[in-house]
Protein backbone atom coordinates (compact mmCIF):
# COMPACT_ATOMS: atom_id res chain seq x y z
CA MET A 1 -52.25 219.48 4.23
CA SER A 2 -54.90 219.72 6.95
CA ILE A 3 -55.07 217.29 9.83
CA ALA A 4 -57.21 214.31 8.89
CA LYS A 5 -60.43 213.77 10.79
CA LYS A 6 -61.31 210.30 9.53
CA ILE A 7 -58.78 207.48 9.30
CA GLY A 8 -59.25 204.08 7.73
CA VAL A 9 -57.29 200.99 8.70
CA VAL A 10 -56.90 198.18 6.17
CA GLY A 11 -56.27 195.02 8.19
CA GLY A 12 -57.88 193.53 11.28
CA GLY A 13 -54.83 191.95 12.92
CA ALA A 14 -53.32 193.02 16.22
CA TRP A 15 -51.31 195.93 14.79
CA GLY A 16 -54.15 197.16 12.59
CA THR A 17 -56.50 197.13 15.57
CA ALA A 18 -53.93 198.96 17.70
CA LEU A 19 -53.44 201.66 15.07
CA GLY A 20 -57.21 202.10 14.91
CA VAL A 21 -57.13 202.76 18.66
CA ALA A 22 -54.18 205.14 18.19
CA ALA A 23 -56.19 207.08 15.59
CA LEU A 24 -59.10 207.39 18.01
CA ASN A 25 -56.73 208.59 20.74
CA ALA A 26 -55.49 211.25 18.31
CA GLY A 27 -59.04 212.59 17.99
CA ALA A 28 -59.99 211.10 14.63
CA GLU A 29 -62.81 208.79 13.65
CA ALA A 30 -61.50 205.30 12.86
CA THR A 31 -62.93 202.58 10.66
CA LEU A 32 -61.17 199.23 10.34
CA TRP A 33 -61.52 196.79 7.44
CA ALA A 34 -61.12 193.03 7.89
CA ARG A 35 -62.07 190.02 5.77
CA ASP A 36 -63.50 187.96 8.63
CA ALA A 37 -67.18 188.82 9.17
CA ASP A 38 -67.22 187.25 12.63
CA LEU A 39 -64.22 189.31 13.67
CA VAL A 40 -65.84 192.49 12.38
CA ASP A 41 -69.02 191.66 14.26
CA SER A 42 -67.06 191.06 17.46
CA ILE A 43 -65.31 194.43 17.18
CA ASN A 44 -68.60 196.25 16.53
CA THR A 45 -70.73 194.38 19.06
CA ASP A 46 -68.45 193.08 21.82
CA HIS A 47 -65.62 195.62 21.30
CA GLU A 48 -63.04 192.85 21.23
CA ASN A 49 -60.68 191.29 18.70
CA PRO A 50 -60.78 187.71 20.02
CA ILE A 51 -58.42 186.29 17.37
CA TYR A 52 -55.49 188.70 17.53
CA LEU A 53 -55.97 190.60 20.82
CA PRO A 54 -57.90 188.23 23.10
CA ASN A 55 -59.17 189.54 26.43
CA VAL A 56 -58.41 193.15 25.47
CA LYS A 57 -61.29 195.65 25.59
CA LEU A 58 -61.44 198.01 22.63
CA PRO A 59 -63.00 201.49 22.50
CA GLU A 60 -66.66 201.46 21.48
CA ALA A 61 -65.90 204.19 18.93
CA LEU A 62 -63.76 201.82 16.85
CA ARG A 63 -65.90 200.63 13.95
CA ALA A 64 -65.20 197.72 11.60
CA SER A 65 -66.40 196.66 8.15
CA THR A 66 -65.87 193.86 5.64
CA THR A 67 -66.31 196.28 2.74
CA LEU A 68 -63.30 198.23 1.44
CA GLU A 69 -65.63 200.78 -0.15
CA ASP A 70 -66.63 201.89 3.36
CA LEU A 71 -63.15 203.45 3.66
CA ALA A 72 -63.58 205.59 0.54
CA ASP A 73 -64.43 208.80 2.43
CA CYS A 74 -61.48 208.63 4.83
CA ASP A 75 -58.84 211.35 4.81
CA ALA A 76 -55.98 208.86 5.08
CA LEU A 77 -55.55 205.09 5.15
CA LEU A 78 -53.24 202.96 7.25
CA MET A 79 -52.37 199.85 5.20
CA VAL A 80 -51.74 197.13 7.80
CA ILE A 81 -51.72 194.06 5.55
CA PRO A 82 -48.87 191.49 5.57
CA THR A 83 -46.41 192.27 2.80
CA GLN A 84 -47.07 189.02 0.95
CA GLN A 85 -50.79 189.90 0.70
CA MET A 86 -50.48 193.62 0.00
CA ARG A 87 -50.56 193.42 -3.80
CA LEU A 88 -53.82 191.46 -3.83
CA VAL A 89 -55.61 193.73 -1.36
CA PHE A 90 -54.48 196.99 -2.95
CA THR A 91 -55.59 195.79 -6.37
CA THR A 92 -59.15 195.91 -5.02
CA LEU A 93 -58.66 198.90 -2.74
CA MET A 94 -57.38 201.18 -5.51
CA LYS A 95 -60.83 201.11 -7.11
CA TYR A 96 -62.07 203.18 -4.16
CA TRP A 97 -58.97 205.07 -3.02
CA PRO A 98 -57.79 208.21 -4.90
CA ALA A 99 -54.08 208.45 -5.69
CA GLU A 100 -53.79 211.93 -4.18
CA ARG A 101 -54.93 210.85 -0.71
CA PRO A 102 -52.22 209.43 1.60
CA LEU A 103 -51.76 205.70 2.01
CA ILE A 104 -49.59 204.96 5.07
CA LEU A 105 -47.86 201.58 4.79
CA CYS A 106 -47.42 199.76 8.09
CA ALA A 107 -46.22 196.33 6.91
CA LYS A 108 -42.62 195.13 7.31
CA GLY A 109 -41.02 192.83 4.80
CA ILE A 110 -40.08 192.19 1.17
CA GLU A 111 -42.39 190.61 -1.39
CA GLN A 112 -40.98 187.19 -2.26
CA ALA A 113 -42.21 187.11 -5.85
CA SER A 114 -40.82 190.51 -6.86
CA GLY A 115 -38.19 191.48 -4.28
CA LEU A 116 -40.06 194.76 -3.73
CA LEU A 117 -40.55 196.59 -0.46
CA PRO A 118 -44.16 197.60 0.36
CA ALA A 119 -43.83 201.04 -1.26
CA GLY A 120 -42.49 199.38 -4.39
CA ILE A 121 -45.47 197.02 -4.49
CA ILE A 122 -47.92 199.92 -4.37
CA ARG A 123 -46.04 201.96 -6.97
CA ASP A 124 -45.88 198.91 -9.20
CA LEU A 125 -49.69 199.04 -9.23
CA ARG A 126 -50.17 202.82 -9.15
CA VAL A 127 -47.09 204.94 -9.73
CA ASP A 128 -48.61 208.23 -8.54
CA GLN A 129 -50.07 207.02 -5.24
CA THR A 130 -49.31 209.38 -2.35
CA LEU A 131 -47.36 207.22 0.11
CA ALA A 132 -45.94 207.25 3.61
CA VAL A 133 -44.42 204.53 5.79
CA LEU A 134 -44.90 203.96 9.53
CA SER A 135 -42.47 201.74 11.43
CA GLY A 136 -40.72 201.51 14.77
CA PRO A 137 -40.48 199.67 18.10
CA SER A 138 -44.10 198.98 18.93
CA PHE A 139 -46.14 196.08 20.26
CA ALA A 140 -49.87 196.19 19.59
CA VAL A 141 -50.80 195.35 23.19
CA ASP A 142 -48.78 198.33 24.44
CA VAL A 143 -50.50 200.77 22.07
CA VAL A 144 -54.00 199.50 22.93
CA ALA A 145 -53.16 199.69 26.65
CA GLY A 146 -52.06 203.31 26.26
CA LYS A 147 -48.42 202.68 27.08
CA PRO A 148 -45.90 205.18 25.69
CA THR A 149 -44.85 204.34 22.13
CA ALA A 150 -42.73 206.19 19.57
CA VAL A 151 -42.44 205.38 15.86
CA THR A 152 -41.05 206.83 12.64
CA LEU A 153 -43.38 208.12 9.92
CA ALA A 154 -41.67 208.81 6.60
CA ALA A 155 -42.94 210.43 3.41
CA ASP A 156 -41.17 211.70 0.28
CA GLN A 157 -41.67 215.27 1.48
CA ILE A 158 -40.90 216.13 5.10
CA GLU A 159 -43.83 218.57 5.19
CA ARG A 160 -46.24 215.75 4.35
CA SER A 161 -44.63 213.51 6.95
CA GLU A 162 -44.99 216.23 9.60
CA ALA A 163 -48.67 216.70 8.73
CA LEU A 164 -49.33 212.96 9.00
CA CYS A 165 -47.50 212.87 12.33
CA ARG A 166 -49.84 215.54 13.66
CA MET A 167 -52.76 213.46 12.43
CA LEU A 168 -51.75 210.41 14.51
CA ALA A 169 -50.02 211.97 17.50
CA SER A 170 -51.43 211.74 21.00
CA PRO A 171 -49.83 212.10 24.46
CA LEU A 172 -48.84 208.41 24.49
CA PHE A 173 -48.27 207.75 20.76
CA ARG A 174 -45.50 209.88 19.28
CA PRO A 175 -44.57 209.67 15.58
CA TYR A 176 -41.30 211.26 14.42
CA ALA A 177 -41.17 212.69 10.88
CA ALA A 178 -38.67 211.47 8.29
CA ASP A 179 -38.21 211.57 4.52
CA ASP A 180 -36.30 208.32 3.89
CA LEU A 181 -39.00 205.79 2.95
CA THR A 182 -36.47 203.24 1.71
CA GLY A 183 -34.42 203.31 4.91
CA VAL A 184 -37.47 203.01 7.15
CA GLU A 185 -38.79 200.06 5.13
CA ILE A 186 -35.44 198.24 5.03
CA GLY A 187 -35.00 198.66 8.78
CA GLY A 188 -38.44 197.15 9.36
CA ALA A 189 -37.73 194.24 7.03
CA LEU A 190 -34.19 193.24 8.04
CA LYS A 191 -34.64 193.60 11.80
CA ASN A 192 -37.05 190.65 11.54
CA VAL A 193 -34.32 188.45 10.04
CA THR A 194 -31.88 189.42 12.81
CA ALA A 195 -34.60 188.69 15.36
CA VAL A 196 -35.02 185.17 13.97
CA CYS A 197 -31.25 184.68 14.35
CA CYS A 198 -31.23 186.03 17.91
CA GLY A 199 -34.16 183.76 18.72
CA ILE A 200 -32.28 180.76 17.36
CA ALA A 201 -29.30 181.62 19.57
CA ALA A 202 -31.55 181.94 22.61
CA GLY A 203 -33.30 178.66 21.80
CA CYS A 204 -29.91 176.96 21.56
CA GLN A 205 -29.02 178.49 24.96
CA LEU A 206 -25.94 180.23 23.60
CA GLY A 207 -26.20 182.97 26.22
CA ALA A 208 -26.83 186.69 26.37
CA SER A 209 -23.35 187.56 25.08
CA ALA A 210 -23.99 185.74 21.80
CA GLY A 211 -27.38 187.42 21.47
CA ALA A 212 -25.85 190.87 21.92
CA ALA A 213 -23.14 190.12 19.36
CA LEU A 214 -25.68 188.92 16.80
CA MET A 215 -27.82 192.01 17.36
CA ALA A 216 -24.85 194.35 16.89
CA ARG A 217 -23.55 192.62 13.78
CA GLY A 218 -27.08 192.28 12.42
CA PHE A 219 -27.45 196.02 12.80
CA SER A 220 -24.23 196.52 10.84
CA GLU A 221 -25.59 194.33 8.05
CA MET A 222 -28.86 196.29 8.03
CA VAL A 223 -27.00 199.58 7.54
CA ARG A 224 -24.79 198.21 4.74
CA TYR A 225 -27.77 196.65 2.96
CA GLY A 226 -29.74 199.87 3.29
CA VAL A 227 -27.00 202.19 2.04
CA ALA A 228 -26.46 199.88 -0.95
CA HIS A 229 -30.15 200.37 -1.79
CA GLY A 230 -30.04 204.15 -1.57
CA ALA A 231 -31.11 204.62 2.05
CA GLN A 232 -29.57 207.16 4.41
CA ALA A 233 -27.25 205.58 7.01
CA GLN A 234 -28.58 207.96 9.67
CA THR A 235 -32.09 206.52 9.32
CA PHE A 236 -30.96 203.23 10.87
CA MET A 237 -29.78 204.96 14.03
CA GLY A 238 -33.38 205.92 14.82
CA LEU A 239 -36.59 204.27 15.90
CA SER A 240 -37.27 202.37 12.67
CA GLY A 241 -33.77 200.87 12.65
CA PHE A 242 -31.91 200.48 15.93
CA GLY A 243 -35.01 201.02 18.08
CA ASP A 244 -37.10 198.37 16.36
CA LEU A 245 -34.14 195.98 16.25
CA VAL A 246 -33.65 196.14 20.02
CA LEU A 247 -37.31 195.50 20.75
CA THR A 248 -37.71 192.68 18.24
CA CYS A 249 -34.49 190.88 19.17
CA SER A 250 -34.98 190.93 22.93
CA SER A 251 -38.58 190.04 23.68
CA THR A 252 -40.61 186.86 23.49
CA GLN A 253 -43.55 189.06 22.44
CA SER A 254 -41.78 189.32 19.07
CA ARG A 255 -43.14 186.75 16.64
CA ASN A 256 -39.81 186.59 14.80
CA PHE A 257 -37.77 186.08 17.95
CA SER A 258 -40.22 183.46 19.20
CA PHE A 259 -40.12 181.63 15.87
CA GLY A 260 -36.32 181.60 15.93
CA PHE A 261 -36.35 180.44 19.56
CA GLY A 262 -38.54 177.50 18.54
CA LEU A 263 -36.16 176.62 15.72
CA GLY A 264 -33.18 176.71 18.07
CA ALA A 265 -34.95 174.71 20.77
CA GLY A 266 -36.28 172.19 18.26
CA THR A 267 -39.94 172.83 19.12
CA VAL A 268 -40.85 174.56 15.82
CA ASP A 269 -40.27 173.44 12.25
CA ILE A 270 -39.40 175.83 9.43
CA SER A 271 -42.56 174.83 7.59
CA ASP A 272 -44.67 175.96 10.57
CA ALA A 273 -44.01 179.62 9.72
CA LEU A 274 -44.08 179.26 5.96
CA GLU A 275 -47.42 177.41 6.07
CA GLY A 276 -49.06 179.59 8.73
CA ARG A 277 -49.18 177.15 11.65
CA VAL A 278 -47.52 179.65 14.00
CA PRO A 279 -48.07 183.43 14.28
CA LEU A 280 -46.79 185.29 11.23
CA ALA A 281 -42.99 185.71 11.28
CA GLU A 282 -42.21 188.02 8.36
CA GLY A 283 -38.49 187.33 8.75
CA ALA A 284 -39.07 183.81 7.46
CA PHE A 285 -40.34 185.25 4.17
CA THR A 286 -37.85 188.13 3.99
CA ALA A 287 -34.55 186.30 4.58
CA GLY A 288 -34.31 184.44 1.28
CA VAL A 289 -35.22 187.31 -1.04
CA ALA A 290 -33.06 189.80 0.90
CA ALA A 291 -30.09 187.40 0.83
CA HIS A 292 -30.50 186.97 -2.92
CA THR A 293 -30.59 190.73 -3.45
CA ALA A 294 -27.50 191.15 -1.26
CA ARG A 295 -25.58 188.64 -3.36
CA THR A 296 -26.48 190.47 -6.56
CA LYS A 297 -24.91 193.60 -5.04
CA ASN A 298 -21.82 191.69 -3.80
CA LEU A 299 -22.63 192.45 -0.17
CA ASP A 300 -21.00 190.23 2.45
CA LEU A 301 -23.81 189.81 5.00
CA PRO A 302 -23.12 186.52 6.80
CA ILE A 303 -25.98 186.66 9.33
CA LEU A 304 -28.56 187.37 6.63
CA GLN A 305 -27.10 184.66 4.41
CA THR A 306 -26.97 182.12 7.23
CA VAL A 307 -30.57 182.68 8.32
CA SER A 308 -31.65 182.31 4.70
CA GLU A 309 -29.82 178.99 4.41
CA ILE A 310 -31.25 177.69 7.70
CA LEU A 311 -34.75 178.51 6.50
CA ASP A 312 -34.32 176.88 3.10
CA GLY A 313 -32.81 173.77 4.68
CA THR A 314 -29.36 174.21 3.15
CA ILE A 315 -27.61 174.18 6.54
CA SER A 316 -28.51 172.93 10.02
CA VAL A 317 -28.69 175.25 13.02
CA ASP A 318 -25.62 173.62 14.62
CA ALA A 319 -23.58 173.85 11.42
CA ALA A 320 -24.66 177.48 10.95
CA ILE A 321 -23.45 178.44 14.43
CA HIS A 322 -20.05 176.84 13.84
CA ARG A 323 -19.72 178.53 10.44
CA LEU A 324 -20.45 181.99 11.82
CA LEU A 325 -17.90 181.52 14.61
CA ASP A 326 -15.29 180.15 12.23
CA ARG A 327 -15.27 183.15 9.89
CA PRO A 328 -11.88 184.79 9.26
CA LEU A 329 -10.83 187.39 11.82
CA LYS A 330 -11.03 190.98 10.64
CA ALA A 331 -11.40 194.57 11.82
CA GLU A 332 -14.83 195.58 13.07
CA LYS A 333 -16.62 197.94 10.72
CA LEU A 334 -20.18 199.21 10.67
């Protein structure tokens, strides 16, 4: 596979915009698709994304369009659409995008209606689509500002992953190749649930010790869930697992942590995330479907289960904290 020279980005949010900038920094042309005509006009004319990256100047070379067909001549596409919207967008996109050209999935989560990860959603619509997955500890503002960032890029074949890494790599944006798509996607999905839990603990002022314990045990649950779904345990030790978990569970820049903090502090209602009144927190959508899947596999994942029950109103935050602390004593296992 030759290094791509033209990269399309499907999605005009903060991360989609940042990946468009990363593609430019890697020496490729970059075209970004977004639904909002005013947003597209602002990117093309004012070189700003005022909705998702306010007061951040974008490169003049970044072009935007409201027409998916304008991406048809790209060498590769970065799919940066929220998981819950991916099926709808790809149904239209696949009319213009050949199955043999790589589609790099950059969303994190599990589709509520089907229980599928992003790669499963795409393959449900087109089984032979060439796929890769990009995930890791990365904030959009850091990438746009040119701050050092490293991520994982996985494809079914390591040679394809390595070629795609070369396509996106620049001195300050370093992708690492992998071949475990399932592990990379599960890490990206479940770290958001743990981040919600860590945010709740912080909002309740439980202290840094409690936050560290939740992060460590949440990581253990992520590994067990992943292995039960065919992922490689080693994948979770890397950027898309442990690395992303640390970033998301320890920074107020994380939407999932901030949402959880609001729940714990009593300043945010569960419905605020589910109905879009606060910035998208994918963990709020992922927790319930992941907890259901875990139960069907007889996995004992108390943090995942507890967050799911908090979000569906089955248990209060205070009662959830007491229940987690009151669990039977046992040996620590990963």
